[in-house]
Amino acid sequence: MSGTNRADIHPGLAVKIVLKKDQRSGTLTSGIVKDLLTKSPNHPHGIKVRLESGDVGRVKVIG
């Protein structure tokens, strides 16, 4: 499942995100969602979230 729909993502969910600094390389960072930062119902590049670790990025993989 991709991370483009806000309805699919909620706090406590395990996801893999791409950080701003890793957008060129595509390196993914795993973590647990703390906050959803994107307000729109969907976003073509992935919903922006804050992980419990404090990292902020766009969701690429759910689970």
N, C-alpha and C. Protein backbone atom coordinates (compact mmCIF):
# COMPACT_ATOMS: atom_id res chain seq x y z
N MET A 1 0.85 -1.18 0.00
CA MET A 1 0.00 0.00 0.00
C MET A 1 0.89 1.24 0.00
N SER A 2 0.57 2.19 -0.86
CA SER A 2 1.36 3.42 -0.91
C SER A 2 0.83 4.40 0.14
N GLY A 3 1.58 5.44 0.37
CA GLY A 3 1.21 6.41 1.41
C GLY A 3 0.61 7.67 0.86
N THR A 4 -0.16 7.58 -0.25
CA THR A 4 -0.69 8.79 -0.86
C THR A 4 -2.06 9.20 -0.33
N ASN A 5 -2.77 8.31 0.37
CA ASN A 5 -4.10 8.63 0.91
C ASN A 5 -4.03 8.84 2.41
N ARG A 6 -4.49 10.01 2.87
CA ARG A 6 -4.44 10.36 4.29
C ARG A 6 -5.27 9.40 5.15
N ALA A 7 -6.39 8.89 4.58
CA ALA A 7 -7.28 8.01 5.33
C ALA A 7 -6.61 6.68 5.72
N ASP A 8 -5.57 6.30 4.99
CA ASP A 8 -4.87 5.03 5.25
C ASP A 8 -3.84 5.13 6.37
N ILE A 9 -3.56 6.35 6.82
CA ILE A 9 -2.46 6.58 7.76
C ILE A 9 -3.01 7.15 9.06
N HIS A 10 -2.53 6.63 10.18
CA HIS A 10 -2.97 7.11 11.49
C HIS A 10 -1.83 6.96 12.49
N PRO A 11 -1.86 7.72 13.59
CA PRO A 11 -0.82 7.61 14.61
C PRO A 11 -0.71 6.16 15.12
N GLY A 12 0.52 5.72 15.33
CA GLY A 12 0.77 4.37 15.81
C GLY A 12 1.06 3.37 14.69
N LEU A 13 0.90 3.80 13.45
CA LEU A 13 1.10 2.93 12.29
C LEU A 13 2.59 2.85 11.95
N ALA A 14 3.08 1.66 11.63
CA ALA A 14 4.47 1.48 11.19
C ALA A 14 4.56 1.82 9.71
N VAL A 15 5.48 2.72 9.36
CA VAL A 15 5.64 3.16 7.97
C VAL A 15 7.12 3.30 7.62
N LYS A 16 7.37 3.47 6.34
CA LYS A 16 8.70 3.84 5.85
C LYS A 16 8.53 5.15 5.11
N ILE A 17 9.36 6.13 5.48
CA ILE A 17 9.27 7.46 4.88
C ILE A 17 10.58 7.80 4.17
N VAL A 18 10.50 8.77 3.27
CA VAL A 18 11.71 9.34 2.68
C VAL A 18 11.87 10.73 3.28
N LEU A 19 13.04 10.98 3.86
CA LEU A 19 13.35 12.28 4.45
C LEU A 19 13.70 13.26 3.34
N LYS A 20 13.56 14.54 3.60
CA LYS A 20 13.87 15.58 2.60
C LYS A 20 15.30 15.41 2.08
N LYS A 21 16.25 15.15 2.98
CA LYS A 21 17.65 15.02 2.57
C LYS A 21 17.90 13.74 1.77
N ASP A 22 16.99 12.78 1.84
CA ASP A 22 17.16 11.51 1.13
C ASP A 22 16.32 11.40 -0.14
N GLN A 23 15.66 12.49 -0.55
CA GLN A 23 14.77 12.42 -1.70
C GLN A 23 15.50 12.02 -2.98
N ARG A 24 16.72 12.49 -3.17
CA ARG A 24 17.48 12.14 -4.37
C ARG A 24 17.88 10.67 -4.37
N SER A 25 18.34 10.17 -3.24
CA SER A 25 18.80 8.77 -3.17
C SER A 25 17.65 7.79 -2.99
N GLY A 26 16.53 8.27 -2.42
CA GLY A 26 15.39 7.39 -2.19
C GLY A 26 15.52 6.50 -0.97
N THR A 27 16.49 6.79 -0.11
CA THR A 27 16.70 6.01 1.11
C THR A 27 15.48 6.14 2.03
N LEU A 28 14.98 4.98 2.50
CA LEU A 28 13.79 4.98 3.35
C LEU A 28 14.17 4.88 4.82
N THR A 29 13.39 5.53 5.67
CA THR A 29 13.57 5.50 7.12
C THR A 29 12.31 4.89 7.73
N SER A 30 12.48 3.86 8.57
CA SER A 30 11.34 3.20 9.21
C SER A 30 11.00 3.87 10.53
N GLY A 31 9.72 3.79 10.90
CA GLY A 31 9.32 4.35 12.19
C GLY A 31 7.83 4.24 12.40
N ILE A 32 7.39 4.79 13.53
CA ILE A 32 5.98 4.79 13.92
C ILE A 32 5.45 6.21 13.81
N VAL A 33 4.29 6.37 13.16
CA VAL A 33 3.69 7.70 12.95
C VAL A 33 3.28 8.31 14.29
N LYS A 34 3.68 9.57 14.49
CA LYS A 34 3.26 10.33 15.67
C LYS A 34 2.20 11.35 15.27
N ASP A 35 2.48 12.14 14.21
CA ASP A 35 1.56 13.18 13.74
C ASP A 35 1.46 13.14 12.22
N LEU A 36 0.26 13.48 11.70
CA LEU A 36 0.08 13.68 10.27
C LEU A 36 0.20 15.17 10.01
N LEU A 37 1.05 15.55 9.07
CA LEU A 37 1.30 16.96 8.80
C LEU A 37 0.59 17.45 7.53
N THR A 38 0.27 16.55 6.61
CA THR A 38 -0.46 16.93 5.40
C THR A 38 -1.95 17.01 5.73
N LYS A 39 -2.58 18.12 5.36
CA LYS A 39 -4.01 18.31 5.65
C LYS A 39 -4.92 17.79 4.54
N SER A 40 -4.43 17.76 3.30
CA SER A 40 -5.28 17.34 2.18
C SER A 40 -5.53 15.83 2.24
N PRO A 41 -6.64 15.36 1.66
CA PRO A 41 -6.99 13.93 1.72
C PRO A 41 -6.02 13.02 0.99
N ASN A 42 -5.29 13.57 0.00
CA ASN A 42 -4.26 12.78 -0.67
C ASN A 42 -3.18 13.69 -1.22
N HIS A 43 -2.02 13.09 -1.49
CA HIS A 43 -0.88 13.84 -2.03
C HIS A 43 -0.10 12.90 -2.93
N PRO A 44 0.22 13.33 -4.16
CA PRO A 44 0.87 12.41 -5.11
C PRO A 44 2.25 11.91 -4.67
N HIS A 45 2.95 12.67 -3.82
CA HIS A 45 4.29 12.26 -3.39
C HIS A 45 4.28 11.57 -2.03
N GLY A 46 3.11 11.42 -1.42
CA GLY A 46 3.02 10.78 -0.12
C GLY A 46 2.61 11.78 0.95
N ILE A 47 1.90 11.28 1.95
CA ILE A 47 1.44 12.10 3.07
C ILE A 47 2.63 12.41 3.97
N LYS A 48 2.80 13.68 4.33
CA LYS A 48 3.91 14.06 5.21
C LYS A 48 3.54 13.76 6.66
N VAL A 49 4.45 13.09 7.36
CA VAL A 49 4.22 12.71 8.75
C VAL A 49 5.44 13.01 9.60
N ARG A 50 5.23 13.07 10.91
CA ARG A 50 6.32 13.12 11.89
C ARG A 50 6.33 11.78 12.60
N LEU A 51 7.49 11.16 12.66
CA LEU A 51 7.63 9.88 13.37
C LEU A 51 7.86 10.13 14.85
N GLU A 52 7.71 9.08 15.65
CA GLU A 52 7.97 9.20 17.10
C GLU A 52 9.41 9.59 17.37
N SER A 53 10.31 9.28 16.43
CA SER A 53 11.73 9.65 16.57
C SER A 53 11.96 11.13 16.30
N GLY A 54 10.95 11.82 15.74
CA GLY A 54 11.08 13.23 15.42
C GLY A 54 11.38 13.49 13.95
N ASP A 55 11.69 12.43 13.19
CA ASP A 55 11.97 12.59 11.76
C ASP A 55 10.69 12.97 11.03
N VAL A 56 10.82 13.84 10.02
CA VAL A 56 9.69 14.27 9.20
C VAL A 56 9.97 13.91 7.75
N GLY A 57 8.97 13.30 7.11
CA GLY A 57 9.13 12.95 5.71
C GLY A 57 7.81 12.47 5.13
N ARG A 58 7.86 12.07 3.86
CA ARG A 58 6.66 11.60 3.17
C ARG A 58 6.59 10.08 3.17
N VAL A 59 5.40 9.55 3.45
CA VAL A 59 5.20 8.09 3.53
C VAL A 59 5.33 7.48 2.15
N LYS A 60 6.18 6.46 2.03
CA LYS A 60 6.35 5.72 0.78
C LYS A 60 5.79 4.32 0.89
N VAL A 61 5.90 3.71 2.09
CA VAL A 61 5.43 2.33 2.29
C VAL A 61 4.71 2.26 3.63
N ILE A 62 3.55 1.60 3.63
CA ILE A 62 2.82 1.38 4.88
C ILE A 62 3.05 -0.06 5.30
N GLY A 63 3.41 -0.23 6.58
CA GLY A 63 3.62 -1.57 7.12
C GLY A 63 5.06 -1.94 7.28
